[in-house]
Amino acid sequence: MNNAKQWQLEGSAAELYERHLVPAVTLPWASILVERVGLARGDRVLDVACGTGAVARVAAEIVGDGGRVVGLDLNAGMLAVARSLEPSPGAAPVEWCEGSALSLPFAEEEFGVVLCQLGLQFFPDRPAAVREIRRVLMPGGRVGATVYTAIERNPATHALSDALDRHLGPGASAAKRNEHSLADPEELRGLFAAAGFTDVRIETATLTVRSSSAAEYVHVQLAATPLAALVDDLDLSERDRLISLVSSDVDAALERYIDDGGLAFPQEVHVALATA
């Protein structure tokens, strides 16, 4: 991606997220999450912090039109994109709901499965959110949640965060580093155990994420994630200069992950699985 095109992506942050991050990151992890939680036809599923709905859509295909899938998120822009996407034939219709994970707008024991992909680490009151998940699950219901492992085990995020702090000042990468704030598996296990879940287990999974170049990876991160706030007030030339500097650093740090197709780097998560 050359500099002339770097800051000319059209669309809202939510649209860019769906276009660039869902195929490369969110959708592959969604498939892993629903497989590990063991969804079946007819299940009643809640996807908490659903974003543009990747997990909910995968779940809807599995449970079929005899099941139920609800996607909940606080972000109206993300939900607008989710609602705009065509459902797959034979999938359960997804109900999109704006609301908080800290006070789920559902009855007790309303769902058989609750999923939460890469969202739990951001909740301001994690214990309250997990208690709410427990409340809306039927006895014997299942929860599956993914969170990123330590940033040191996720090389692209680590390289990007270091580069942002180097060029924009200490703390510039706070939003990115916060993605890894629930990396301790024992802390994660404790959240679910304290909420009354049983058979709590933490599994670790890795997949390979691809990007055509370091410049594309940096650009998407600065356009379609909360990192966009770092560049909102910069003019085009300043943005181009910043992306060039950051991309150069990221490219050097990830040299071992470059192949003929561009970047191919590992990404690692913990998968928390438990029974209500």
Protein backbone atom coordinates (compact mmCIF):
# COMPACT_ATOMS: atom_id res chain seq x y z
CA MET A 1 0.00 0.00 0.00
CA ASN A 2 1.70 3.20 -1.10
CA ASN A 3 1.51 6.49 0.75
CA ALA A 4 -0.88 8.04 -1.75
CA LYS A 5 -3.53 5.52 -0.76
CA GLN A 6 -2.80 5.08 2.91
CA TRP A 7 -5.42 7.45 4.28
CA GLN A 8 -8.05 7.18 1.57
CA LEU A 9 -10.02 4.20 2.83
CA GLU A 10 -13.69 5.06 2.68
CA GLY A 11 -16.20 4.13 5.36
CA SER A 12 -16.80 4.43 9.06
CA ALA A 13 -14.54 2.73 11.59
CA ALA A 14 -17.14 -0.03 11.97
CA GLU A 15 -17.30 -0.55 8.19
CA LEU A 16 -13.51 -0.67 7.95
CA TYR A 17 -13.42 -3.10 10.87
CA GLU A 18 -15.84 -5.43 9.07
CA ARG A 19 -14.01 -5.09 5.74
CA HIS A 20 -10.44 -5.55 6.94
CA LEU A 21 -10.29 -7.07 10.42
CA VAL A 22 -13.17 -9.54 10.33
CA PRO A 23 -11.86 -11.68 7.45
CA ALA A 24 -8.28 -11.66 8.74
CA VAL A 25 -8.84 -11.95 12.49
CA THR A 26 -12.36 -12.00 13.89
CA LEU A 27 -13.94 -14.63 11.65
CA PRO A 28 -11.15 -17.24 12.02
CA TRP A 29 -11.27 -16.85 15.81
CA ALA A 30 -15.08 -17.07 15.72
CA SER A 31 -14.88 -20.48 14.07
CA ILE A 32 -12.44 -21.68 16.72
CA LEU A 33 -14.60 -20.39 19.57
CA VAL A 34 -17.87 -21.96 18.43
CA GLU A 35 -16.11 -25.25 17.71
CA ARG A 36 -14.58 -25.42 21.18
CA VAL A 37 -17.79 -24.55 22.97
CA GLY A 38 -19.57 -27.26 21.00
CA LEU A 39 -22.60 -25.56 19.47
CA ALA A 40 -25.41 -27.78 18.19
CA ARG A 41 -28.53 -27.31 16.09
CA GLY A 42 -31.34 -25.71 18.03
CA ASP A 43 -29.11 -24.05 20.65
CA ARG A 44 -30.14 -20.68 22.10
CA VAL A 45 -27.04 -18.47 21.87
CA LEU A 46 -26.08 -15.03 23.14
CA ASP A 47 -23.01 -13.31 21.68
CA VAL A 48 -21.85 -10.63 24.14
CA ALA A 49 -19.81 -7.72 22.74
CA CYS A 50 -20.69 -8.97 19.27
CA GLY A 51 -19.18 -6.09 17.28
CA THR A 52 -20.22 -6.44 13.65
CA GLY A 53 -21.43 -9.96 14.38
CA ALA A 54 -18.84 -12.47 13.18
CA VAL A 55 -19.41 -14.90 16.08
CA ALA A 56 -23.18 -14.49 15.95
CA ARG A 57 -23.25 -15.22 12.21
CA VAL A 58 -21.10 -18.36 12.58
CA ALA A 59 -23.31 -19.50 15.46
CA ALA A 60 -26.47 -18.84 13.44
CA GLU A 61 -25.28 -21.13 10.67
CA ILE A 62 -24.65 -23.95 13.15
CA VAL A 63 -27.83 -23.72 15.25
CA GLY A 64 -30.01 -23.39 12.14
CA ASP A 65 -33.45 -21.90 11.83
CA GLY A 66 -34.65 -23.94 14.82
CA GLY A 67 -32.21 -22.17 17.11
CA ARG A 68 -31.93 -18.64 18.42
CA VAL A 69 -29.01 -16.22 18.23
CA VAL A 70 -28.80 -12.77 19.82
CA GLY A 71 -25.89 -10.39 19.29
CA LEU A 72 -25.41 -7.67 21.92
CA ASP A 73 -23.07 -4.68 21.81
CA LEU A 74 -22.83 -1.16 23.20
CA ASN A 75 -21.61 0.28 19.91
CA ALA A 76 -24.49 1.38 17.69
CA GLY A 77 -22.18 1.78 14.70
CA MET A 78 -21.02 -1.83 14.93
CA LEU A 79 -24.62 -3.02 15.22
CA ALA A 80 -25.64 -0.97 12.18
CA VAL A 81 -23.04 -2.80 10.11
CA ALA A 82 -24.15 -6.14 11.57
CA ARG A 83 -27.77 -5.47 10.61
CA SER A 84 -26.75 -4.52 7.07
CA LEU A 85 -25.20 -7.91 6.26
CA GLU A 86 -27.21 -10.60 4.50
CA PRO A 87 -27.80 -13.78 6.56
CA SER A 88 -26.70 -17.14 5.24
CA PRO A 89 -29.43 -19.44 3.85
CA GLY A 90 -30.77 -21.78 6.53
CA ALA A 91 -29.17 -19.84 9.38
CA ALA A 92 -31.07 -18.69 12.42
CA PRO A 93 -32.14 -15.04 12.14
CA VAL A 94 -29.88 -12.99 14.41
CA GLU A 95 -31.50 -10.54 16.82
CA TRP A 96 -29.25 -7.48 17.23
CA CYS A 97 -29.49 -5.73 20.58
CA GLU A 98 -27.81 -2.58 21.90
CA GLY A 99 -26.93 -3.01 25.56
CA SER A 100 -24.30 -3.45 28.24
CA ALA A 101 -22.57 -6.65 29.28
CA LEU A 102 -22.79 -5.37 32.86
CA SER A 103 -26.59 -5.43 32.82
CA LEU A 104 -27.79 -7.88 30.21
CA PRO A 105 -31.36 -7.08 29.11
CA PHE A 106 -32.48 -10.72 29.28
CA ALA A 107 -34.29 -12.98 31.70
CA GLU A 108 -32.64 -15.53 33.94
CA GLU A 109 -31.83 -18.84 32.24
CA GLU A 110 -32.80 -17.49 28.80
CA PHE A 111 -29.87 -19.01 26.89
CA GLY A 112 -28.12 -22.33 26.59
CA VAL A 113 -24.81 -20.88 25.37
CA VAL A 114 -23.12 -17.50 25.87
CA LEU A 115 -20.12 -16.49 23.76
CA CYS A 116 -17.79 -13.53 24.17
CA GLN A 117 -14.96 -13.07 21.71
CA LEU A 118 -12.07 -10.74 22.56
CA GLY A 119 -14.28 -8.45 24.61
CA LEU A 120 -14.07 -9.49 28.25
CA GLN A 121 -10.74 -7.73 28.80
CA PHE A 122 -12.37 -4.37 27.99
CA PHE A 123 -15.31 -4.55 30.40
CA PRO A 124 -14.98 -2.01 33.22
CA ASP A 125 -16.34 -4.53 35.75
CA ARG A 126 -15.34 -8.00 34.64
CA PRO A 127 -16.75 -9.87 37.66
CA ALA A 128 -20.14 -8.20 37.15
CA ALA A 129 -20.15 -9.14 33.46
CA VAL A 130 -19.35 -12.78 34.19
CA ARG A 131 -22.06 -12.89 36.88
CA GLU A 132 -24.52 -11.54 34.31
CA ILE A 133 -23.47 -14.24 31.85
CA ARG A 134 -24.08 -16.84 34.57
CA ARG A 135 -27.50 -15.34 35.35
CA VAL A 136 -28.83 -15.62 31.79
CA LEU A 137 -27.57 -19.19 31.31
CA MET A 138 -29.81 -22.15 31.97
CA PRO A 139 -28.50 -24.83 34.39
CA GLY A 140 -25.92 -26.84 32.52
CA GLY A 141 -25.52 -24.08 29.95
CA ARG A 142 -22.10 -23.33 28.51
CA VAL A 143 -19.94 -20.25 28.17
CA GLY A 144 -17.01 -19.71 25.83
CA ALA A 145 -14.86 -16.59 25.92
CA THR A 146 -11.59 -15.65 24.26
CA VAL A 147 -9.02 -13.08 25.38
CA TYR A 148 -5.58 -12.31 24.03
CA THR A 149 -2.58 -13.80 25.81
CA ALA A 150 0.45 -11.72 26.83
CA ILE A 151 1.48 -9.06 24.33
CA GLU A 152 4.97 -10.58 24.22
CA ARG A 153 3.38 -13.69 22.67
CA ASN A 154 1.63 -11.64 19.97
CA PRO A 155 4.48 -10.20 17.89
CA ALA A 156 2.58 -7.84 15.59
CA THR A 157 0.75 -6.14 18.45
CA HIS A 158 3.97 -5.94 20.42
CA ALA A 159 5.88 -4.38 17.51
CA LEU A 160 3.10 -1.90 16.76
CA SER A 161 2.77 -0.85 20.41
CA ASP A 162 6.50 -0.28 20.78
CA ALA A 163 6.59 1.76 17.56
CA LEU A 164 3.66 3.95 18.60
CA ASP A 165 5.26 4.70 21.96
CA ARG A 166 8.55 5.48 20.22
CA HIS A 167 7.09 7.94 17.74
CA LEU A 168 4.12 9.40 19.63
CA GLY A 169 5.37 9.23 23.20
CA PRO A 170 5.07 6.82 26.14
CA GLY A 171 1.50 5.64 26.59
CA ALA A 172 0.42 6.16 22.99
CA SER A 173 -0.14 2.43 22.67
CA ALA A 174 -2.30 2.14 25.80
CA ALA A 175 -5.44 1.17 23.87
CA LYS A 176 -3.56 -1.57 22.05
CA ARG A 177 -1.78 -2.91 25.11
CA ASN A 178 -5.11 -3.00 26.94
CA GLU A 179 -6.19 -5.77 24.58
CA HIS A 180 -3.82 -7.99 26.55
CA SER A 181 -4.86 -6.91 30.04
CA LEU A 182 -6.48 -10.26 30.89
CA ALA A 183 -3.59 -12.45 29.77
CA ASP A 184 -3.10 -14.27 33.10
CA PRO A 185 -4.89 -17.63 32.72
CA GLU A 186 -5.36 -18.00 36.48
CA GLU A 187 -7.04 -14.59 36.71
CA LEU A 188 -9.28 -15.61 33.83
CA ARG A 189 -10.11 -18.94 35.47
CA GLY A 190 -10.85 -17.18 38.76
CA LEU A 191 -13.40 -14.85 37.17
CA PHE A 192 -15.57 -17.75 36.07
CA ALA A 193 -15.08 -19.82 39.20
CA ALA A 194 -16.04 -16.85 41.42
CA ALA A 195 -19.27 -16.41 39.42
CA GLY A 196 -20.32 -19.98 40.18
CA PHE A 197 -19.26 -21.73 36.99
CA THR A 198 -18.01 -25.31 37.15
CA ASP A 199 -15.66 -27.31 34.96
CA VAL A 200 -13.71 -24.14 34.19
CA ARG A 201 -10.87 -24.79 31.81
CA ILE A 202 -8.50 -22.48 29.96
CA GLU A 203 -7.16 -23.58 26.60
CA THR A 204 -4.63 -21.71 24.47
CA ALA A 205 -5.00 -21.42 20.72
CA THR A 206 -2.86 -19.90 17.97
CA LEU A 207 -3.65 -18.94 14.39
CA THR A 208 -1.71 -17.24 11.63
CA VAL A 209 -2.87 -13.77 10.59
CA ARG A 210 -1.94 -12.45 7.18
CA SER A 211 -1.47 -8.92 5.89
CA SER A 212 -0.01 -7.83 2.58
CA SER A 213 2.58 -5.60 4.27
CA ALA A 214 3.54 -3.88 7.50
CA ALA A 215 2.16 -0.64 6.05
CA GLU A 216 -1.25 -2.20 5.44
CA TYR A 217 -1.30 -3.74 8.93
CA VAL A 218 -0.43 -0.40 10.56
CA HIS A 219 -2.89 1.52 8.40
CA VAL A 220 -5.82 -0.75 9.25
CA GLN A 221 -4.97 -0.63 12.94
CA LEU A 222 -4.92 3.17 12.86
CA ALA A 223 -8.17 3.40 10.89
CA ALA A 224 -10.44 0.61 12.15
CA THR A 225 -9.59 0.24 15.86
CA PRO A 226 -9.56 2.61 18.86
CA LEU A 227 -6.03 3.60 17.80
CA ALA A 228 -7.70 5.85 15.23
CA ALA A 229 -7.99 8.45 17.99
CA LEU A 230 -4.22 8.89 17.77
CA VAL A 231 -4.41 10.30 14.23
CA ASP A 232 -7.81 12.00 14.15
CA ASP A 233 -6.30 15.46 14.58
CA LEU A 234 -3.37 14.99 12.17
CA ASP A 235 -3.43 16.35 8.64
CA LEU A 236 -2.78 14.03 5.71
CA SER A 237 0.95 14.73 5.46
CA GLU A 238 1.43 14.17 9.19
CA ARG A 239 -0.49 10.91 9.00
CA ASP A 240 1.57 9.75 6.04
CA ARG A 241 4.77 10.58 7.88
CA LEU A 242 3.63 8.75 11.02
CA ILE A 243 2.49 5.64 9.18
CA SER A 244 5.78 5.55 7.30
CA LEU A 245 7.82 5.70 10.52
CA VAL A 246 5.68 3.20 12.40
CA SER A 247 5.48 0.84 9.43
CA SER A 248 9.25 0.88 9.03
CA ASP A 249 9.69 -0.12 12.68
CA VAL A 250 7.03 -2.82 12.49
CA ASP A 251 8.50 -4.16 9.25
CA ALA A 252 11.93 -4.49 10.85
CA ALA A 253 10.55 -6.10 14.02
CA LEU A 254 8.53 -8.65 12.06
CA GLU A 255 11.16 -9.48 9.45
CA ARG A 256 11.10 -13.16 10.39
CA TYR A 257 7.37 -13.31 9.59
CA ILE A 258 7.65 -11.94 6.04
CA ASP A 259 7.18 -14.32 3.11
CA ASP A 260 6.30 -13.99 -0.56
CA GLY A 261 2.71 -13.14 0.35
CA GLY A 262 3.56 -10.41 2.84
CA LEU A 263 3.25 -10.73 6.61
CA ALA A 264 2.16 -14.02 8.21
CA PHE A 265 2.40 -13.69 11.98
CA PRO A 266 1.06 -15.75 14.89
CA GLN A 267 -1.71 -14.51 17.15
CA GLU A 268 -2.51 -16.25 20.43
CA VAL A 269 -5.57 -16.31 22.69
CA HIS A 270 -6.83 -18.03 25.80
CA VAL A 271 -10.18 -19.76 25.39
CA ALA A 272 -12.15 -19.95 28.64
CA LEU A 273 -14.79 -22.68 28.71
CA ALA A 274 -17.14 -23.41 31.63
CA THR A 275 -20.52 -24.82 32.62
CA ALA A 276 -23.29 -23.01 34.49
